[in-house]
Each structure stands twice: as C-alpha cells, then as structure tokens.
C-alpha cells in the first residue's frame, strides 16, 4: 500500500476514535436545536421525500449517527 494512502487511512481512524470519545458527552443542550428546521429544509431540497421530513429531532440525530 502506498505511504500516502496508509497515512490517510490512519488519520481517518484517529478522527473516528476521537469522535467516539467526544460524542457520548454531547447532549441536545450542547446543540443548536433551532437549526433542525433548516436541516429538514436542506434535506427536502435534495429529496422532497426524504425520511427526515417525518422524523422527530431526536430521530434525525440518531439517523445522522449523533
């Protein structure tokens, strides 16, 4: 495997590991939940039948892997 590719994979793995350490401590109080309508509008602009349009805020966050 080429060195640059190996380094890219390693850096991506480290980023994922860091995310798993941070996200367990984040709550909805830490997020700008007032932006969820904008999230839905963006999803709707990409796909008018997007599943997020029928989900609650918490369901969207779970679906997004947060």
PDB file of N, CA and C in Angstrom:
ATOM      1  N   UNK A   1       0.849  -1.167   0.000  1.00  0.00           N
ATOM      2  CA  UNK A   1       0.000   0.000   0.000  1.00  0.00           C
ATOM      3  C   UNK A   1       0.903   1.241   0.000  1.00  0.00           C
ATOM      4  N   UNK A   2       0.525   2.210  -0.763  1.00  0.00           N
ATOM      5  CA  UNK A   2       1.313   3.437  -0.836  1.00  0.00           C
ATOM      6  C   UNK A   2       1.294   4.165   0.500  1.00  0.00           C
ATOM      7  N   UNK A   3       2.396   4.838   0.786  1.00  0.00           N
ATOM      8  CA  UNK A   3       2.549   5.530   2.063  1.00  0.00           C
ATOM      9  C   UNK A   3       1.457   6.567   2.295  1.00  0.00           C
ATOM     10  N   UNK A   4       1.116   7.375   1.283  1.00  0.00           N
ATOM     11  CA  UNK A   4       0.101   8.421   1.465  1.00  0.00           C
ATOM     12  C   UNK A   4      -1.255   7.811   1.786  1.00  0.00           C
ATOM     13  N   UNK A   5      -1.547   6.659   1.174  1.00  0.00           N
ATOM     14  CA  UNK A   5      -2.834   6.013   1.416  1.00  0.00           C
ATOM     15  C   UNK A   5      -2.885   5.450   2.839  1.00  0.00           C
ATOM     16  N   UNK A   6      -1.774   4.878   3.278  1.00  0.00           N
ATOM     17  CA  UNK A   6      -1.698   4.331   4.625  1.00  0.00           C
ATOM     18  C   UNK A   6      -1.848   5.453   5.655  1.00  0.00           C
ATOM     19  N   UNK A   7      -1.215   6.590   5.387  1.00  0.00           N
ATOM     20  CA  UNK A   7      -1.323   7.734   6.295  1.00  0.00           C
ATOM     21  C   UNK A   7      -2.743   8.290   6.324  1.00  0.00           C
ATOM     22  N   UNK A   8      -3.398   8.330   5.160  1.00  0.00           N
ATOM     23  CA  UNK A   8      -4.779   8.813   5.090  1.00  0.00           C
ATOM     24  C   UNK A   8      -5.691   7.913   5.915  1.00  0.00           C
ATOM     25  N   UNK A   9      -5.540   6.621   5.758  1.00  0.00           N
ATOM     26  CA  UNK A   9      -6.379   5.672   6.498  1.00  0.00           C
ATOM     27  C   UNK A   9      -6.132   5.808   7.994  1.00  0.00           C
ATOM     28  N   UNK A  10      -4.883   5.934   8.391  1.00  0.00           N
ATOM     29  CA  UNK A  10      -4.542   6.075   9.806  1.00  0.00           C
ATOM     30  C   UNK A  10      -5.129   7.359  10.382  1.00  0.00           C
ATOM     31  N   UNK A  11      -5.038   8.470   9.660  1.00  0.00           N
ATOM     32  CA  UNK A  11      -5.579   9.732  10.169  1.00  0.00           C
ATOM     33  C   UNK A  11      -7.099   9.662  10.280  1.00  0.00           C
ATOM     34  N   UNK A  12      -7.745   8.984   9.332  1.00  0.00           N
ATOM     35  CA  UNK A  12      -9.206   8.822   9.393  1.00  0.00           C
ATOM     36  C   UNK A  12      -9.599   7.971  10.595  1.00  0.00           C
ATOM     37  N   UNK A  13      -8.833   6.916  10.870  1.00  0.00           N
ATOM     38  CA  UNK A  13      -9.108   6.071  12.032  1.00  0.00           C
ATOM     39  C   UNK A  13      -8.970   6.869  13.330  1.00  0.00           C
ATOM     40  N   UNK A  14      -7.964   7.719  13.411  1.00  0.00           N
ATOM     41  CA  UNK A  14      -7.772   8.536  14.601  1.00  0.00           C
ATOM     42  C   UNK A  14      -8.923   9.524  14.790  1.00  0.00           C
ATOM     43  N   UNK A  15      -9.404  10.094  13.699  1.00  0.00           N
ATOM     44  CA  UNK A  15     -10.535  11.014  13.766  1.00  0.00           C
ATOM     45  C   UNK A  15     -11.782  10.306  14.274  1.00  0.00           C
ATOM     46  N   UNK A  16     -12.036   9.119  13.770  1.00  0.00           N
ATOM     47  CA  UNK A  16     -13.201   8.341  14.220  1.00  0.00           C
ATOM     48  C   UNK A  16     -13.081   8.020  15.701  1.00  0.00           C
ATOM     49  N   UNK A  17     -11.892   7.645  16.141  1.00  0.00           N
ATOM     50  CA  UNK A  17     -11.687   7.341  17.554  1.00  0.00           C
ATOM     51  C   UNK A  17     -11.937   8.576  18.418  1.00  0.00           C
ATOM     52  N   UNK A  18     -11.498   9.733  17.966  1.00  0.00           N
ATOM     53  CA  UNK A  18     -11.719  10.977  18.707  1.00  0.00           C
ATOM     54  C   UNK A  18     -13.205  11.303  18.777  1.00  0.00           C
ATOM     55  N   UNK A  19     -13.930  11.080  17.680  1.00  0.00           N
ATOM     56  CA  UNK A  19     -15.373  11.337  17.667  1.00  0.00           C
ATOM     57  C   UNK A  19     -16.088  10.469  18.683  1.00  0.00           C
ATOM     58  N   UNK A  20     -15.692   9.224  18.795  1.00  0.00           N
ATOM     59  CA  UNK A  20     -16.334   8.314  19.740  1.00  0.00           C
ATOM     60  C   UNK A  20     -16.058   8.700  21.185  1.00  0.00           C
ATOM     61  N   UNK A  21     -14.967   9.393  21.425  1.00  0.00           N
ATOM     62  CA  UNK A  21     -14.674   9.849  22.770  1.00  0.00           C
ATOM     63  C   UNK A  21     -15.463  11.107  23.120  1.00  0.00           C
ATOM     64  N   UNK A  22     -15.729  11.961  22.129  1.00  0.00           N
ATOM     65  CA  UNK A  22     -16.432  13.224  22.363  1.00  0.00           C
ATOM     66  C   UNK A  22     -17.947  13.077  22.386  1.00  0.00           C
ATOM     67  N   UNK A  23     -18.510  12.418  21.406  1.00  0.00           N
ATOM     68  CA  UNK A  23     -19.956  12.394  21.232  1.00  0.00           C
ATOM     69  C   UNK A  23     -20.741  11.808  22.403  1.00  0.00           C
ATOM     70  N   UNK A  24     -20.216  10.847  23.162  1.00  0.00           N
ATOM     71  CA  UNK A  24     -21.022  10.348  24.281  1.00  0.00           C
ATOM     72  C   UNK A  24     -21.367  11.419  25.312  1.00  0.00           C
ATOM     73  N   UNK A  25     -20.588  12.497  25.363  1.00  0.00           N
ATOM     74  CA  UNK A  25     -20.803  13.538  26.365  1.00  0.00           C
ATOM     75  C   UNK A  25     -21.626  14.713  25.835  1.00  0.00           C
ATOM     76  N   UNK A  26     -21.944  14.713  24.569  1.00  0.00           N
ATOM     77  CA  UNK A  26     -22.722  15.802  23.973  1.00  0.00           C
ATOM     78  C   UNK A  26     -24.205  15.514  24.167  1.00  0.00           C
ATOM     79  N   UNK A  27     -24.933  16.516  24.607  1.00  0.00           N
ATOM     80  CA  UNK A  27     -26.381  16.391  24.750  1.00  0.00           C
ATOM     81  C   UNK A  27     -27.058  17.396  23.821  1.00  0.00           C
ATOM     82  N   UNK A  28     -28.360  17.313  23.735  1.00  0.00           N
ATOM     83  CA  UNK A  28     -29.091  18.261  22.889  1.00  0.00           C
ATOM     84  C   UNK A  28     -28.938  19.688  23.412  1.00  0.00           C
ATOM     85  N   UNK A  29     -28.617  19.836  24.694  1.00  0.00           N
ATOM     86  CA  UNK A  29     -28.376  21.177  25.246  1.00  0.00           C
ATOM     87  C   UNK A  29     -27.129  21.813  24.637  1.00  0.00           C
ATOM     88  N   UNK A  30     -26.214  20.990  24.135  1.00  0.00           N
ATOM     89  CA  UNK A  30     -24.981  21.480  23.533  1.00  0.00           C
ATOM     90  C   UNK A  30     -25.151  21.836  22.057  1.00  0.00           C
ATOM     91  N   UNK A  31     -26.268  21.449  21.478  1.00  0.00           N
ATOM     92  CA  UNK A  31     -26.513  21.653  20.043  1.00  0.00           C
ATOM     93  C   UNK A  31     -27.461  22.823  19.818  1.00  0.00           C
ATOM     94  N   UNK A  32     -27.417  23.387  18.647  1.00  0.00           N
ATOM     95  CA  UNK A  32     -28.361  24.447  18.251  1.00  0.00           C
ATOM     96  C   UNK A  32     -29.586  23.767  17.642  1.00  0.00           C
ATOM     97  N   UNK A  33     -30.479  23.323  18.510  1.00  0.00           N
ATOM     98  CA  UNK A  33     -31.649  22.579  18.053  1.00  0.00           C
ATOM     99  C   UNK A  33     -32.580  23.443  17.211  1.00  0.00           C
ATOM    100  N   UNK A  34     -32.442  24.764  17.301  1.00  0.00           N
ATOM    101  CA  UNK A  34     -33.263  25.656  16.484  1.00  0.00           C
ATOM    102  C   UNK A  34     -32.903  25.536  14.996  1.00  0.00           C
ATOM    103  N   UNK A  35     -31.803  24.859  14.685  1.00  0.00           N
ATOM    104  CA  UNK A  35     -31.396  24.675  13.289  1.00  0.00           C
ATOM    105  C   UNK A  35     -32.028  23.441  12.644  1.00  0.00           C
ATOM    106  N   UNK A  36     -32.789  22.670  13.407  1.00  0.00           N
ATOM    107  CA  UNK A  36     -33.352  21.435  12.868  1.00  0.00           C
ATOM    108  C   UNK A  36     -34.313  21.697  11.707  1.00  0.00           C
ATOM    109  N   UNK A  37     -35.042  22.808  11.735  1.00  0.00           N
ATOM    110  CA  UNK A  37     -35.914  23.139  10.601  1.00  0.00           C
ATOM    111  C   UNK A  37     -35.082  23.410   9.346  1.00  0.00           C
ATOM    112  N   UNK A  38     -33.933  24.040   9.510  1.00  0.00           N
ATOM    113  CA  UNK A  38     -33.038  24.269   8.371  1.00  0.00           C
ATOM    114  C   UNK A  38     -32.484  22.944   7.856  1.00  0.00           C
ATOM    115  N   UNK A  39     -32.212  22.021   8.776  1.00  0.00           N
ATOM    116  CA  UNK A  39     -31.750  20.680   8.386  1.00  0.00           C
ATOM    117  C   UNK A  39     -32.807  20.005   7.519  1.00  0.00           C
ATOM    118  N   UNK A  40     -34.045  20.081   7.963  1.00  0.00           N
ATOM    119  CA  UNK A  40     -35.141  19.466   7.196  1.00  0.00           C
ATOM    120  C   UNK A  40     -35.303  20.134   5.823  1.00  0.00           C
ATOM    121  N   UNK A  41     -35.197  21.471   5.782  1.00  0.00           N
ATOM    122  CA  UNK A  41     -35.321  22.178   4.504  1.00  0.00           C
ATOM    123  C   UNK A  41     -34.214  21.792   3.534  1.00  0.00           C
ATOM    124  N   UNK A  42     -33.001  21.631   4.060  1.00  0.00           N
ATOM    125  CA  UNK A  42     -31.886  21.209   3.209  1.00  0.00           C
ATOM    126  C   UNK A  42     -32.124  19.800   2.683  1.00  0.00           C
ATOM    127  N   UNK A  43     -32.571  18.908   3.563  1.00  0.00           N
ATOM    128  CA  UNK A  43     -32.870  17.533   3.135  1.00  0.00           C
ATOM    129  C   UNK A  43     -33.978  17.533   2.086  1.00  0.00           C
ATOM    130  N   UNK A  44     -34.993  18.372   2.300  1.00  0.00           N
ATOM    131  CA  UNK A  44     -36.112  18.458   1.355  1.00  0.00           C
ATOM    132  C   UNK A  44     -35.666  18.988  -0.005  1.00  0.00           C
ATOM    133  N   UNK A  45     -34.716  19.938   0.004  1.00  0.00           N
ATOM    134  CA  UNK A  45     -34.232  20.492  -1.271  1.00  0.00           C
ATOM    135  C   UNK A  45     -33.469  19.448  -2.076  1.00  0.00           C
ATOM    136  N   UNK A  46     -32.857  18.490  -1.388  1.00  0.00           N
ATOM    137  CA  UNK A  46     -32.126  17.413  -2.069  1.00  0.00           C
ATOM    138  C   UNK A  46     -33.056  16.287  -2.487  1.00  0.00           C
ATOM    139  N   UNK A  47     -34.079  16.040  -1.649  1.00  0.00           N
ATOM    140  CA  UNK A  47     -35.012  14.945  -1.920  1.00  0.00           C
ATOM    141  C   UNK A  47     -36.347  15.280  -1.252  1.00  0.00           C
ATOM    142  N   UNK A  48     -37.368  15.628  -2.033  1.00  0.00           N
ATOM    143  CA  UNK A  48     -38.663  16.021  -1.465  1.00  0.00           C
ATOM    144  C   UNK A  48     -39.332  14.939  -0.612  1.00  0.00           C
ATOM    145  N   UNK A  49     -38.905  13.699  -0.767  1.00  0.00           N
ATOM    146  CA  UNK A  49     -39.479  12.602   0.012  1.00  0.00           C
ATOM    147  C   UNK A  49     -38.508  12.082   1.072  1.00  0.00           C
ATOM    148  N   UNK A  50     -37.568  12.917   1.468  1.00  0.00           N
ATOM    149  CA  UNK A  50     -36.544  12.493   2.422  1.00  0.00           C
ATOM    150  C   UNK A  50     -37.185  12.010   3.726  1.00  0.00           C
ATOM    151  N   UNK A  51     -36.621  10.939   4.292  1.00  0.00           N
ATOM    152  CA  UNK A  51     -37.166  10.352   5.518  1.00  0.00           C
ATOM    153  C   UNK A  51     -37.126  11.308   6.705  1.00  0.00           C
ATOM    154  N   UNK A  52     -36.151  12.198   6.739  1.00  0.00           N
ATOM    155  CA  UNK A  52     -36.028  13.115   7.863  1.00  0.00           C
ATOM    156  C   UNK A  52     -37.219  14.053   7.987  1.00  0.00           C
ATOM    157  N   UNK A  53     -37.968  14.237   6.923  1.00  0.00           N
ATOM    158  CA  UNK A  53     -39.111  15.157   6.972  1.00  0.00           C
ATOM    159  C   UNK A  53     -40.204  14.654   7.904  1.00  0.00           C
ATOM    160  N   UNK A  54     -40.220  13.356   8.157  1.00  0.00           N
ATOM    161  CA  UNK A  54     -41.253  12.758   9.011  1.00  0.00           C
ATOM    162  C   UNK A  54     -40.714  12.381  10.386  1.00  0.00           C
ATOM    163  N   UNK A  55     -39.427  12.641  10.638  1.00  0.00           N
ATOM    164  CA  UNK A  55     -38.800  12.240  11.904  1.00  0.00           C
ATOM    165  C   UNK A  55     -38.786  13.378  12.915  1.00  0.00           C
ATOM    166  N   UNK A  56     -38.730  12.984  14.186  1.00  0.00           N
ATOM    167  CA  UNK A  56     -38.539  13.980  15.254  1.00  0.00           C
ATOM    168  C   UNK A  56     -37.077  14.421  15.239  1.00  0.00           C
ATOM    169  N   UNK A  57     -36.780  15.471  15.989  1.00  0.00           N
ATOM    170  CA  UNK A  57     -35.400  15.958  16.060  1.00  0.00           C
ATOM    171  C   UNK A  57     -34.461  14.860  16.559  1.00  0.00           C
ATOM    172  N   UNK A  58     -34.875  14.155  17.597  1.00  0.00           N
ATOM    173  CA  UNK A  58     -34.041  13.104  18.171  1.00  0.00           C
ATOM    174  C   UNK A  58     -33.816  11.969  17.179  1.00  0.00           C
ATOM    175  N   UNK A  59     -34.853  11.625  16.405  1.00  0.00           N
ATOM    176  CA  UNK A  59     -34.725  10.559  15.402  1.00  0.00           C
ATOM    177  C   UNK A  59     -33.746  10.967  14.301  1.00  0.00           C
ATOM    178  N   UNK A  60     -33.767  12.239  13.913  1.00  0.00           N
ATOM    179  CA  UNK A  60     -32.820  12.729  12.906  1.00  0.00           C
ATOM    180  C   UNK A  60     -31.393  12.627  13.424  1.00  0.00           C
ATOM    181  N   UNK A  61     -31.180  13.023  14.673  1.00  0.00           N
ATOM    182  CA  UNK A  61     -29.843  12.953  15.254  1.00  0.00           C
ATOM    183  C   UNK A  61     -29.344  11.512  15.298  1.00  0.00           C
ATOM    184  N   UNK A  62     -30.208  10.579  15.665  1.00  0.00           N
ATOM    185  CA  UNK A  62     -29.823   9.173  15.677  1.00  0.00           C
ATOM    186  C   UNK A  62     -29.516   8.691  14.267  1.00  0.00           C
ATOM    187  N   UNK A  63     -30.360   9.081  13.321  1.00  0.00           N
ATOM    188  CA  UNK A  63     -30.175   8.679  11.920  1.00  0.00           C
ATOM    189  C   UNK A  63     -28.857   9.209  11.356  1.00  0.00           C
ATOM    190  N   UNK A  64     -28.466  10.393  11.817  1.00  0.00           N
ATOM    191  CA  UNK A  64     -27.216  11.010  11.350  1.00  0.00           C
ATOM    192  C   UNK A  64     -26.004  10.449  12.093  1.00  0.00           C
ATOM    193  N   UNK A  65     -26.245   9.590  13.051  1.00  0.00           N
ATOM    194  CA  UNK A  65     -25.155   8.982  13.800  1.00  0.00           C
ATOM    195  C   UNK A  65     -24.618   9.839  14.929  1.00  0.00           C
ATOM    196  N   UNK A  66     -25.463  10.745  15.407  1.00  0.00           N
ATOM    197  CA  UNK A  66     -25.022  11.627  16.507  1.00  0.00           C
ATOM    198  C   UNK A  66     -25.594  11.151  17.803  1.00  0.00           C
TER     199      UNK A  66
END
